[in-house]
N, C-alpha and C. Protein backbone atom coordinates (compact mmCIF):
# COMPACT_ATOMS: atom_id res chain seq x y z
N MET A 1 2.56 12.99 14.44
CA MET A 1 2.77 11.66 15.08
C MET A 1 1.55 10.98 15.21
N LEU A 2 0.54 11.62 15.76
CA LEU A 2 -0.87 11.00 15.78
C LEU A 2 -1.41 10.65 14.41
N GLN A 3 -1.20 11.64 13.53
CA GLN A 3 -1.77 11.25 12.36
C GLN A 3 -1.08 9.90 11.55
N TRP A 4 0.16 9.79 11.88
CA TRP A 4 1.00 8.53 11.35
C TRP A 4 0.38 7.30 12.20
N VAL A 5 0.01 7.43 13.54
CA VAL A 5 -0.29 6.26 14.14
C VAL A 5 -1.74 5.82 13.72
N VAL A 6 -2.60 6.88 13.42
CA VAL A 6 -4.06 6.55 12.93
C VAL A 6 -3.87 5.87 11.62
N HIS A 7 -2.87 6.27 10.63
CA HIS A 7 -2.66 5.60 9.39
C HIS A 7 -2.30 4.18 9.38
N ILE A 8 -1.52 4.05 10.43
CA ILE A 8 -1.07 2.57 10.63
C ILE A 8 -2.15 1.75 10.98
N VAL A 9 -2.93 2.16 12.07
CA VAL A 9 -4.05 1.21 12.64
C VAL A 9 -5.17 1.25 11.34
N ILE A 10 -5.45 2.28 10.70
CA ILE A 10 -6.32 2.16 9.60
C ILE A 10 -5.74 1.29 8.37
N ASP A 11 -4.47 1.39 7.99
CA ASP A 11 -4.02 0.46 7.10
C ASP A 11 -3.95 -1.02 7.63
N ALA A 12 -3.81 -1.39 9.12
CA ALA A 12 -3.82 -2.62 9.43
C ALA A 12 -5.35 -3.25 9.25
N LEU A 13 -6.21 -2.32 9.65
CA LEU A 13 -7.64 -2.88 9.45
C LEU A 13 -8.02 -3.06 8.13
N VAL A 14 -7.54 -2.27 6.98
CA VAL A 14 -7.85 -2.42 5.65
C VAL A 14 -7.10 -3.76 5.23
N LEU A 15 -5.88 -4.08 5.77
CA LEU A 15 -5.16 -5.34 5.42
C LEU A 15 -6.08 -6.33 5.83
N LEU A 16 -6.49 -6.34 7.11
CA LEU A 16 -7.46 -7.42 7.63
C LEU A 16 -8.57 -7.68 6.87
N ALA A 17 -9.26 -6.57 6.43
CA ALA A 17 -10.54 -6.63 5.69
C ALA A 17 -10.09 -7.32 4.24
N ALA A 18 -9.19 -6.72 3.67
CA ALA A 18 -8.68 -7.24 2.27
C ALA A 18 -8.40 -8.66 2.41
N ALA A 19 -7.78 -9.17 3.44
CA ALA A 19 -7.23 -10.58 3.62
C ALA A 19 -8.56 -11.51 3.74
N ASN A 20 -9.49 -10.90 4.40
CA ASN A 20 -10.89 -11.73 4.36
C ASN A 20 -11.45 -11.71 3.21
N MET A 21 -11.57 -10.49 2.40
CA MET A 21 -12.29 -10.56 1.08
C MET A 21 -11.45 -11.32 -0.02
N MET A 22 -10.36 -11.20 0.03
CA MET A 22 -9.43 -11.54 -1.19
C MET A 22 -8.86 -13.04 -0.92
N PRO A 23 -9.22 -13.99 -1.64
CA PRO A 23 -8.60 -15.29 -1.38
C PRO A 23 -7.04 -15.34 -1.49
N LYS A 24 -6.60 -14.55 -2.16
CA LYS A 24 -5.04 -14.70 -2.50
C LYS A 24 -4.08 -13.63 -1.73
N VAL A 25 -4.77 -13.20 -0.68
CA VAL A 25 -4.15 -12.38 0.51
C VAL A 25 -4.29 -13.30 1.65
N LYS A 26 -3.09 -13.53 2.31
CA LYS A 26 -3.07 -14.37 3.58
C LYS A 26 -2.58 -13.37 4.68
N LEU A 27 -3.08 -13.47 5.71
CA LEU A 27 -2.67 -12.49 6.86
C LEU A 27 -3.06 -13.25 8.04
N LYS A 28 -2.18 -13.39 9.02
CA LYS A 28 -2.46 -14.22 10.17
C LYS A 28 -3.30 -13.68 11.32
N GLY A 29 -3.09 -12.24 11.62
CA GLY A 29 -4.01 -11.77 12.78
C GLY A 29 -3.82 -10.15 12.78
N PHE A 30 -4.44 -9.57 13.70
CA PHE A 30 -4.20 -8.22 13.87
C PHE A 30 -2.71 -7.72 14.19
N LYS A 31 -2.07 -8.48 15.14
CA LYS A 31 -0.66 -8.26 15.26
C LYS A 31 0.09 -8.18 14.11
N THR A 32 -0.02 -9.23 13.35
CA THR A 32 0.52 -9.30 12.08
C THR A 32 0.25 -8.20 11.12
N ALA A 33 -1.08 -7.77 11.14
CA ALA A 33 -1.36 -6.56 10.30
C ALA A 33 -0.76 -5.31 10.75
N ILE A 34 -0.71 -5.06 11.99
CA ILE A 34 0.23 -3.86 12.46
C ILE A 34 1.47 -3.79 12.12
N ILE A 35 2.15 -5.07 12.37
CA ILE A 35 3.46 -5.14 11.76
C ILE A 35 3.64 -4.82 10.39
N VAL A 36 2.81 -5.60 9.62
CA VAL A 36 2.98 -5.30 8.10
C VAL A 36 2.61 -3.79 7.73
N ALA A 37 1.76 -3.37 8.38
CA ALA A 37 1.38 -1.79 8.10
C ALA A 37 2.58 -0.98 8.44
N LEU A 38 3.19 -1.21 9.58
CA LEU A 38 4.45 -0.49 9.75
C LEU A 38 5.62 -0.64 8.75
N ILE A 39 5.69 -1.80 8.33
CA ILE A 39 6.74 -2.24 7.32
C ILE A 39 6.43 -1.36 6.14
N ILE A 40 4.95 -1.59 5.59
CA ILE A 40 4.56 -0.72 4.47
C ILE A 40 4.86 0.76 4.80
N GLY A 41 4.59 1.22 5.88
CA GLY A 41 4.70 2.69 6.02
C GLY A 41 6.20 3.16 5.92
N VAL A 42 7.09 2.33 6.43
CA VAL A 42 8.51 2.72 6.53
C VAL A 42 9.09 2.55 5.17
N LEU A 43 8.68 1.45 4.48
CA LEU A 43 9.20 1.27 2.98
C LEU A 43 8.51 2.32 2.18
N SER A 44 7.28 2.75 2.37
CA SER A 44 6.78 3.93 1.64
C SER A 44 7.42 5.16 1.85
N PHE A 45 7.80 5.45 3.10
CA PHE A 45 8.56 6.56 3.30
C PHE A 45 9.99 6.60 2.54
N LEU A 46 10.53 5.58 2.72
CA LEU A 46 11.89 5.33 2.15
C LEU A 46 12.13 5.14 0.54
N LEU A 47 11.02 4.57 -0.06
CA LEU A 47 11.10 4.04 -1.33
C LEU A 47 10.11 4.67 -2.41
N SER A 48 8.91 5.04 -1.88
CA SER A 48 7.99 5.44 -2.78
C SER A 48 8.25 6.60 -3.65
N TRP A 49 9.11 7.46 -3.37
CA TRP A 49 9.49 8.68 -4.08
C TRP A 49 10.40 8.15 -5.28
N VAL A 50 11.31 7.19 -5.02
CA VAL A 50 12.25 6.63 -6.08
C VAL A 50 11.54 5.76 -6.96
N LEU A 51 10.57 4.94 -6.55
CA LEU A 51 9.69 4.08 -7.40
C LEU A 51 8.76 4.90 -8.36
N THR A 52 8.12 5.98 -7.70
CA THR A 52 7.34 6.90 -8.55
C THR A 52 8.14 7.62 -9.48
N LEU A 53 9.30 8.00 -9.22
CA LEU A 53 10.06 8.53 -10.21
C LEU A 53 10.57 7.74 -11.39
N LEU A 54 10.93 6.43 -11.00
CA LEU A 54 11.33 5.49 -11.94
C LEU A 54 10.15 5.18 -12.86
N LEU A 55 9.19 5.01 -12.42
CA LEU A 55 7.85 4.62 -13.07
C LEU A 55 7.62 5.78 -14.12
N ASN A 56 7.63 7.18 -13.69
CA ASN A 56 7.34 8.27 -14.42
C ASN A 56 8.33 8.36 -15.56
N VAL A 57 9.65 8.05 -15.20
CA VAL A 57 10.74 8.09 -16.28
C VAL A 57 10.36 6.93 -17.38
N ALA A 58 10.05 5.77 -16.79
CA ALA A 58 9.77 4.52 -17.67
C ALA A 58 8.57 4.77 -18.60
N THR A 59 7.60 5.53 -18.02
CA THR A 59 6.66 5.82 -18.99
C THR A 59 6.54 7.23 -19.74
N PHE A 60 7.65 7.84 -19.57
CA PHE A 60 7.82 9.25 -20.29
C PHE A 60 7.00 10.17 -19.55
N GLY A 61 6.42 10.02 -18.43
CA GLY A 61 5.60 10.91 -17.87
C GLY A 61 4.18 11.15 -18.28
N ILE A 62 3.79 10.01 -18.99
CA ILE A 62 2.50 10.12 -19.63
C ILE A 62 1.31 10.24 -18.72
N PHE A 63 1.39 9.49 -17.62
CA PHE A 63 0.40 9.32 -16.74
C PHE A 63 0.28 10.85 -15.93
N TYR A 64 1.59 11.23 -15.61
CA TYR A 64 1.80 12.49 -14.94
C TYR A 64 1.18 13.57 -15.66
N PHE A 65 1.45 13.68 -17.09
CA PHE A 65 0.94 14.77 -17.82
C PHE A 65 -0.40 14.82 -18.13
N LEU A 66 -1.09 13.52 -18.13
CA LEU A 66 -2.40 13.33 -18.34
C LEU A 66 -3.26 13.64 -17.14
N GLY A 67 -2.65 13.85 -16.02
CA GLY A 67 -3.38 14.13 -14.74
C GLY A 67 -3.67 12.75 -14.01
N LEU A 68 -3.08 11.73 -14.56
CA LEU A 68 -3.20 10.44 -13.86
C LEU A 68 -2.11 9.99 -13.07
N GLY A 69 -1.34 10.96 -12.46
CA GLY A 69 -0.14 10.49 -11.59
C GLY A 69 -0.43 9.59 -10.45
N PHE A 70 -1.77 9.41 -10.01
CA PHE A 70 -1.88 8.48 -9.07
C PHE A 70 -1.70 6.99 -9.50
N ILE A 71 -1.81 6.95 -10.78
CA ILE A 71 -1.71 5.34 -11.15
C ILE A 71 -0.21 5.05 -10.93
N THR A 72 0.57 5.79 -11.11
CA THR A 72 2.28 5.48 -10.90
C THR A 72 2.28 5.35 -9.45
N ARG A 73 1.61 6.16 -8.53
CA ARG A 73 1.60 6.18 -7.06
C ARG A 73 1.25 4.75 -6.65
N VAL A 74 0.00 4.28 -7.17
CA VAL A 74 -0.66 3.02 -6.77
C VAL A 74 0.32 1.88 -7.11
N ILE A 75 1.04 1.93 -8.41
CA ILE A 75 1.75 0.77 -8.77
C ILE A 75 3.05 0.87 -7.87
N ALA A 76 3.58 1.95 -7.52
CA ALA A 76 4.82 1.93 -6.65
C ALA A 76 4.25 1.47 -5.20
N TYR A 77 3.13 1.68 -4.92
CA TYR A 77 2.64 1.12 -3.60
C TYR A 77 2.53 -0.42 -3.60
N ALA A 78 2.00 -0.82 -4.74
CA ALA A 78 2.02 -2.34 -4.91
C ALA A 78 3.29 -3.05 -4.92
N ILE A 79 4.26 -2.35 -5.57
CA ILE A 79 5.65 -2.94 -5.37
C ILE A 79 6.24 -3.00 -4.00
N ILE A 80 5.72 -1.94 -3.22
CA ILE A 80 6.12 -1.70 -1.73
C ILE A 80 5.53 -2.92 -1.04
N ILE A 81 4.19 -3.30 -1.41
CA ILE A 81 3.46 -4.26 -0.69
C ILE A 81 4.23 -5.68 -0.92
N GLU A 82 4.59 -5.85 -2.25
CA GLU A 82 5.28 -6.98 -2.59
C GLU A 82 6.47 -7.15 -1.83
N ILE A 83 7.20 -6.06 -1.59
CA ILE A 83 8.56 -6.02 -0.76
C ILE A 83 8.18 -6.48 0.68
N ALA A 84 7.14 -5.79 1.23
CA ALA A 84 6.73 -6.21 2.53
C ALA A 84 6.27 -7.55 2.73
N ASP A 85 5.83 -8.12 1.65
CA ASP A 85 5.37 -9.65 1.74
C ASP A 85 6.71 -10.50 1.69
N GLN A 86 7.80 -10.10 1.43
CA GLN A 86 9.19 -10.70 1.53
C GLN A 86 9.54 -10.73 2.93
N PHE A 87 9.26 -9.63 3.73
CA PHE A 87 9.85 -9.35 5.14
C PHE A 87 8.86 -10.09 6.12
N SER A 88 7.72 -10.49 5.96
CA SER A 88 6.91 -11.05 6.92
C SER A 88 6.48 -12.54 6.43
N ASP A 89 6.51 -13.57 7.35
CA ASP A 89 6.23 -14.85 7.16
C ASP A 89 4.60 -15.02 7.19
N ASP A 90 4.06 -14.17 7.93
CA ASP A 90 2.57 -14.30 8.32
C ASP A 90 1.60 -13.56 7.34
N PHE A 91 2.34 -12.83 6.17
CA PHE A 91 1.57 -12.05 5.24
C PHE A 91 2.12 -12.45 3.90
N LYS A 92 1.19 -12.86 3.10
CA LYS A 92 1.37 -13.28 1.70
C LYS A 92 0.51 -12.83 0.71
N THR A 93 0.95 -12.35 -0.39
CA THR A 93 -0.01 -12.12 -1.56
C THR A 93 0.49 -13.03 -2.60
N GLU A 94 -0.35 -13.58 -3.28
CA GLU A 94 -0.10 -14.60 -4.30
C GLU A 94 -0.21 -13.86 -5.70
N GLY A 95 0.96 -13.23 -6.00
CA GLY A 95 1.07 -12.54 -7.36
C GLY A 95 0.96 -11.00 -7.15
N PHE A 96 1.16 -10.32 -8.20
CA PHE A 96 1.24 -8.79 -8.20
C PHE A 96 -0.11 -8.32 -8.12
N LEU A 97 -1.17 -8.83 -8.87
CA LEU A 97 -2.57 -8.33 -9.01
C LEU A 97 -3.24 -8.17 -7.64
N PRO A 98 -3.06 -9.28 -6.74
CA PRO A 98 -3.68 -8.85 -5.24
C PRO A 98 -3.03 -7.65 -4.72
N SER A 99 -1.65 -7.55 -4.81
CA SER A 99 -1.05 -6.43 -4.27
C SER A 99 -1.46 -5.08 -4.82
N LEU A 100 -1.71 -5.19 -6.20
CA LEU A 100 -2.23 -3.88 -6.76
C LEU A 100 -3.67 -3.39 -6.22
N TRP A 101 -4.62 -4.49 -6.18
CA TRP A 101 -5.88 -4.24 -5.48
C TRP A 101 -5.78 -3.91 -4.04
N LEU A 102 -4.81 -4.35 -3.24
CA LEU A 102 -4.66 -4.05 -1.89
C LEU A 102 -4.10 -2.68 -1.92
N ALA A 103 -3.29 -2.29 -2.81
CA ALA A 103 -2.76 -0.85 -2.76
C ALA A 103 -3.93 0.15 -3.21
N VAL A 104 -4.78 -0.24 -4.09
CA VAL A 104 -5.96 0.67 -4.25
C VAL A 104 -6.79 0.71 -3.18
N PHE A 105 -7.09 -0.49 -2.50
CA PHE A 105 -7.97 -0.24 -1.29
C PHE A 105 -7.30 0.62 -0.17
N ILE A 106 -6.04 0.61 0.08
CA ILE A 106 -5.42 1.33 1.02
C ILE A 106 -5.38 2.70 0.63
N ALA A 107 -5.05 3.09 -0.69
CA ALA A 107 -5.23 4.35 -1.14
C ALA A 107 -6.58 5.15 -1.02
N ILE A 108 -7.69 4.40 -1.31
CA ILE A 108 -8.97 4.87 -1.16
C ILE A 108 -9.25 5.20 0.13
N VAL A 109 -9.15 4.13 1.15
CA VAL A 109 -9.50 4.37 2.59
C VAL A 109 -8.66 5.41 3.23
N GLY A 110 -7.34 5.39 2.90
CA GLY A 110 -6.50 6.49 3.20
C GLY A 110 -6.93 7.86 2.98
N GLY A 111 -7.27 8.10 1.64
CA GLY A 111 -7.80 9.35 1.29
C GLY A 111 -9.14 9.78 1.87
N ILE A 112 -9.87 8.85 1.99
CA ILE A 112 -11.26 8.98 2.75
C ILE A 112 -10.96 9.38 4.28
N VAL A 113 -9.92 8.73 4.93
CA VAL A 113 -9.55 9.17 6.25
C VAL A 113 -9.10 10.41 6.32
N ASP A 114 -8.28 10.81 5.50
CA ASP A 114 -7.55 12.15 5.42
C ASP A 114 -8.59 13.19 5.23
N ALA A 115 -9.52 12.91 4.36
CA ALA A 115 -10.52 14.09 4.08
C ALA A 115 -11.37 14.18 5.35
N ILE A 116 -11.72 12.99 5.96
CA ILE A 116 -12.64 13.22 7.13
C ILE A 116 -11.86 13.76 8.48
N LEU A 117 -10.71 13.20 8.73
CA LEU A 117 -10.00 13.52 9.92
C LEU A 117 -9.05 14.68 10.03
N PHE A 118 -8.43 14.79 8.93
CA PHE A 118 -7.15 15.72 8.85
C PHE A 118 -7.58 16.83 7.82
């Protein structure tokens, strides 16, 4: 449970930092970042395995067999960010590419936090 809470707070901080760095990502404040991080976490829990499976089937598993399965997971996460964009009025990404970069940032920071803390 504590690990999940830490990830939500870290993801919210990454969302805030990305919104400040990227002109095509709009985020109102920290409260909105926490809500969006919760939405992304729940959607990721519910949908990421389905999206990853669909992307693996669509690409005939090429990325998976080449050892690049993280690419399909990042693309699935970007799709989840796009869905979260639809749920919140105070969080907007203008296009798929900012969502993709946001997914990369969250994945890198999440991996570093997991390596350090857990």
